C-alpha atoms as a PDB file:
ATOM      1  CA  MET A   1      -8.602   0.354   9.584  1.00  0.00           C
ATOM      2  CA  SER A   2      -6.033   0.124   6.786  1.00  0.00           C
ATOM      3  CA  ASP A   3      -2.425   1.194   7.262  1.00  0.00           C
ATOM      4  CA  LYS A   4      -2.923   4.235   5.045  1.00  0.00           C
ATOM      5  CA  GLN A   5      -6.011   5.347   6.948  1.00  0.00           C
ATOM      6  CA  SER A   6      -4.412   4.858  10.365  1.00  0.00           C
ATOM      7  CA  GLY A   7      -1.336   6.869   9.299  1.00  0.00           C
ATOM      8  CA  GLY A   8      -3.583   9.708   8.153  1.00  0.00           C
ATOM      9  CA  PHE A   9      -5.588   9.481  11.340  1.00  0.00           C
ATOM     10  CA  VAL A  10      -2.477   9.717  13.527  1.00  0.00           C
ATOM     11  CA  GLY A  11      -1.169  12.676  11.517  1.00  0.00           C
ATOM     12  CA  GLY A  12      -4.524  14.445  11.758  1.00  0.00           C
ATOM     13  CA  LEU A  13      -4.739  13.729  15.460  1.00  0.00           C
ATOM     14  CA  VAL A  14      -1.285  15.184  16.126  1.00  0.00           C
ATOM     15  CA  LEU A  15      -1.923  18.240  13.953  1.00  0.00           C
ATOM     16  CA  GLY A  16      -5.321  18.837  15.560  1.00  0.00           C
ATOM     17  CA  ALA A  17      -3.876  18.515  19.042  1.00  0.00           C
ATOM     18  CA  ALA A  18      -1.102  20.993  18.261  1.00  0.00           C
ATOM     19  CA  MET A  19      -3.513  23.511  16.736  1.00  0.00           C
ATOM     20  CA  GLY A  20      -5.905  23.108  19.659  1.00  0.00           C
ATOM     21  CA  ALA A  21      -3.115  23.658  22.160  1.00  0.00           C
ATOM     22  CA  VAL A  22      -1.959  26.841  20.440  1.00  0.00           C
ATOM     23  CA  ALA A  23      -5.517  28.165  20.122  1.00  0.00           C
ATOM     24  CA  GLY A  24      -6.206  27.356  23.768  1.00  0.00           C
ATOM     25  CA  LEU A  25      -3.081  29.136  24.894  1.00  0.00           C
ATOM     26  CA  LEU A  26      -3.855  32.220  22.862  1.00  0.00           C
ATOM     27  CA  VAL A  27      -7.362  32.650  24.308  1.00  0.00           C
ATOM     28  CA  ALA A  28      -6.555  31.534  27.841  1.00  0.00           C
ATOM     29  CA  PRO A  29      -6.796  34.204  30.564  1.00  0.00           C
ATOM     30  CA  ARG A  30      -3.055  34.297  31.300  1.00  0.00           C
ATOM     31  CA  THR A  31      -0.479  37.004  31.217  1.00  0.00           C
ATOM     32  CA  GLY A  32       1.567  37.437  28.057  1.00  0.00           C
ATOM     33  CA  ARG A  33       4.726  36.319  29.827  1.00  0.00           C
ATOM     34  CA  GLU A  34       3.106  33.095  31.064  1.00  0.00           C
ATOM     35  CA  THR A  35       1.595  32.376  27.655  1.00  0.00           C
ATOM     36  CA  ARG A  36       4.960  32.891  25.957  1.00  0.00           C
ATOM     37  CA  ARG A  37       6.605  30.553  28.477  1.00  0.00           C
ATOM     38  CA  ILE A  38       4.038  27.859  27.739  1.00  0.00           C
ATOM     39  CA  LEU A  39       4.413  28.389  23.993  1.00  0.00           C
ATOM     40  CA  ARG A  40       8.190  28.117  24.351  1.00  0.00           C
ATOM     41  CA  LYS A  41       7.799  24.788  26.189  1.00  0.00           C
ATOM     42  CA  SER A  42       5.455  23.573  23.472  1.00  0.00           C
ATOM     43  CA  ALA A  43       7.898  24.678  20.781  1.00  0.00           C
ATOM     44  CA  ASP A  44      10.696  22.847  22.597  1.00  0.00           C
ATOM     45  CA  ALA A  45       8.604  19.657  22.529  1.00  0.00           C
ATOM     46  CA  LEU A  46       7.818  20.062  18.827  1.00  0.00           C
ATOM     47  CA  PRO A  47      11.000  18.372  17.465  1.00  0.00           C
ATOM     48  CA  GLU A  48      10.232  15.241  19.472  1.00  0.00           C
ATOM     49  CA  LEU A  49       6.655  15.304  18.223  1.00  0.00           C
ATOM     50  CA  VAL A  50       7.841  15.673  14.624  1.00  0.00           C
ATOM     51  CA  GLU A  51      10.313  12.835  15.107  1.00  0.00           C
ATOM     52  CA  ASP A  52       7.555  10.581  16.462  1.00  0.00           C
ATOM     53  CA  LEU A  53       5.324  11.492  13.549  1.00  0.00           C
ATOM     54  CA  SER A  54       8.079  10.870  10.992  1.00  0.00           C
ATOM     55  CA  THR A  55       8.819   7.497  12.594  1.00  0.00           C
ATOM     56  CA  SER A  56       5.143   6.619  12.381  1.00  0.00           C
ATOM     57  CA  VAL A  57       5.006   7.653   8.723  1.00  0.00           C
ATOM     58  CA  TYR A  58       8.173   5.660   7.996  1.00  0.00           C
ATOM     59  CA  LEU A  59       6.708   2.536   9.628  1.00  0.00           C
ATOM     60  CA  GLN A  60       3.434   2.953   7.731  1.00  0.00           C
ATOM     61  CA  ALA A  61       5.336   3.337   4.439  1.00  0.00           C
ATOM     62  CA  ASP A  62       7.408   0.253   5.237  1.00  0.00           C
ATOM     63  CA  ARG A  63       4.278  -1.808   5.914  1.00  0.00           C
ATOM     64  CA  LEU A  64       2.663  -0.512   2.747  1.00  0.00           C
ATOM     65  CA  SER A  65       5.778  -1.399   0.756  1.00  0.00           C
ATOM     66  CA  GLU A  66       5.807  -4.934   2.158  1.00  0.00           C
ATOM     67  CA  THR A  67       2.115  -5.358   1.336  1.00  0.00           C
ATOM     68  CA  ALA A  68       2.675  -4.112  -2.214  1.00  0.00           C
ATOM     69  CA  LEU A  69       5.570  -6.533  -2.666  1.00  0.00           C
ATOM     70  CA  VAL A  70       3.498  -9.496  -1.454  1.00  0.00           C
ATOM     71  CA  ASN A  71       0.620  -8.496  -3.749  1.00  0.00           C
ATOM     72  CA  TRP A  72       3.013  -8.112  -6.689  1.00  0.00           C
ATOM     73  CA  GLU A  73       4.533 -11.556  -6.092  1.00  0.00           C
ATOM     74  CA  HIS A  74       1.061 -13.094  -5.817  1.00  0.00           C
ATOM     75  CA  THR A  75       0.036 -11.435  -9.093  1.00  0.00           C
ATOM     76  CA  LEU A  76       3.191 -12.691 -10.825  1.00  0.00           C
ATOM     77  CA  ASP A  77       2.519 -16.239  -9.589  1.00  0.00           C
ATOM     78  CA  ARG A  78      -1.027 -16.094 -10.963  1.00  0.00           C
ATOM     79  CA  LEU A  79       0.261 -14.731 -14.271  1.00  0.00           C
ATOM     80  CA  ARG A  80       2.862 -17.509 -14.551  1.00  0.00           C
ATOM     81  CA  ASP A  81       0.171 -20.113 -13.833  1.00  0.00           C
ATOM     82  CA  ALA A  82      -2.119 -18.586 -16.471  1.00  0.00           C
ATOM     83  CA  ILE A  83       0.685 -18.555 -19.065  1.00  0.00           C
ATOM     84  CA  ALA A  84       1.559 -22.180 -18.303  1.00  0.00           C
ATOM     85  CA  ALA A  85      -2.111 -23.190 -18.590  1.00  0.00           C
ATOM     86  CA  GLY A  86      -2.390 -21.331 -21.905  1.00  0.00           C
ATOM     87  CA  GLN A  87       0.720 -23.028 -23.258  1.00  0.00           C
ATOM     88  CA  GLU A  88      -0.582 -26.441 -22.203  1.00  0.00           C
ATOM     89  CA  ALA A  89      -3.988 -25.770 -23.780  1.00  0.00           C
ATOM     90  CA  SER A  90      -2.285 -24.641 -27.011  1.00  0.00           C
ATOM     91  CA  ARG A  91      -0.122 -27.756 -27.062  1.00  0.00           C
ATOM     92  CA  GLN A  92      -3.143 -30.027 -26.579  1.00  0.00           C
ATOM     93  CA  GLU A  93      -5.141 -28.203 -29.250  1.00  0.00           C
ATOM     94  CA  TYR A  94      -2.203 -28.498 -31.655  1.00  0.00           C
ATOM     95  CA  GLU A  95      -2.040 -32.251 -30.994  1.00  0.00           C
ATOM     96  CA  ASN A  96      -5.808 -32.585 -31.508  1.00  0.00           C
ATOM     97  CA  LEU A  97      -5.632 -30.675 -34.789  1.00  0.00           C
ATOM     98  CA  SER A  98      -2.636 -32.732 -35.914  1.00  0.00           C
ATOM     99  CA  GLN A  99      -4.493 -35.969 -35.169  1.00  0.00           C
ATOM    100  CA  SER A 100      -7.632 -34.723 -36.938  1.00  0.00           C
ATOM    101  CA  SER A 101      -5.560 -33.676 -39.927  1.00  0.00           C
ATOM    102  CA  SER A 102      -3.755 -37.022 -40.141  1.00  0.00           C
ATOM    103  CA  LEU A 103      -7.045 -38.936 -39.791  1.00  0.00           C
ATOM    104  CA  ALA A 104      -8.575 -36.851 -42.578  1.00  0.00           C
ATOM    105  CA  SER A 105      -5.518 -37.481 -44.770  1.00  0.00           C
ATOM    106  CA  ASN A 106      -5.649 -41.224 -44.110  1.00  0.00           C
ATOM    107  CA  GLY A 107      -9.397 -41.313 -44.773  1.00  0.00           C
ATOM    108  CA  SER A 108      -9.133 -39.536 -48.122  1.00  0.00           C
ATOM    109  CA  ALA A 109      -6.164 -41.685 -49.149  1.00  0.00           C
ATOM    110  CA  GLN A 110      -8.160 -44.887 -48.568  1.00  0.00           C
ATOM    111  CA  GLU A 111     -11.074 -43.729 -50.729  1.00  0.00           C
END
């Protein structure tokens, strides 16, 4: 599973769990006071949950950034190699054309 997919999965899992907990509390056969107490406890735990989720997102973004940087450097290396190969091929072709031109000039001068 890619980093992006696992980050989305974790976020969806946390959101689904929170929504399921709230829905379960609202339809549970408890008194209003008890339900409110449980909701209050859940709300108190929410900042920690959000902090964990934000840390997870931060780590996923950091990994994604590192991967992008490595890919960018690899692409630049390939581009530099291609430019160098093109320059070398141009230089060789220029030399070949220069030699052909000088041979043709020498051949017509001898006739």
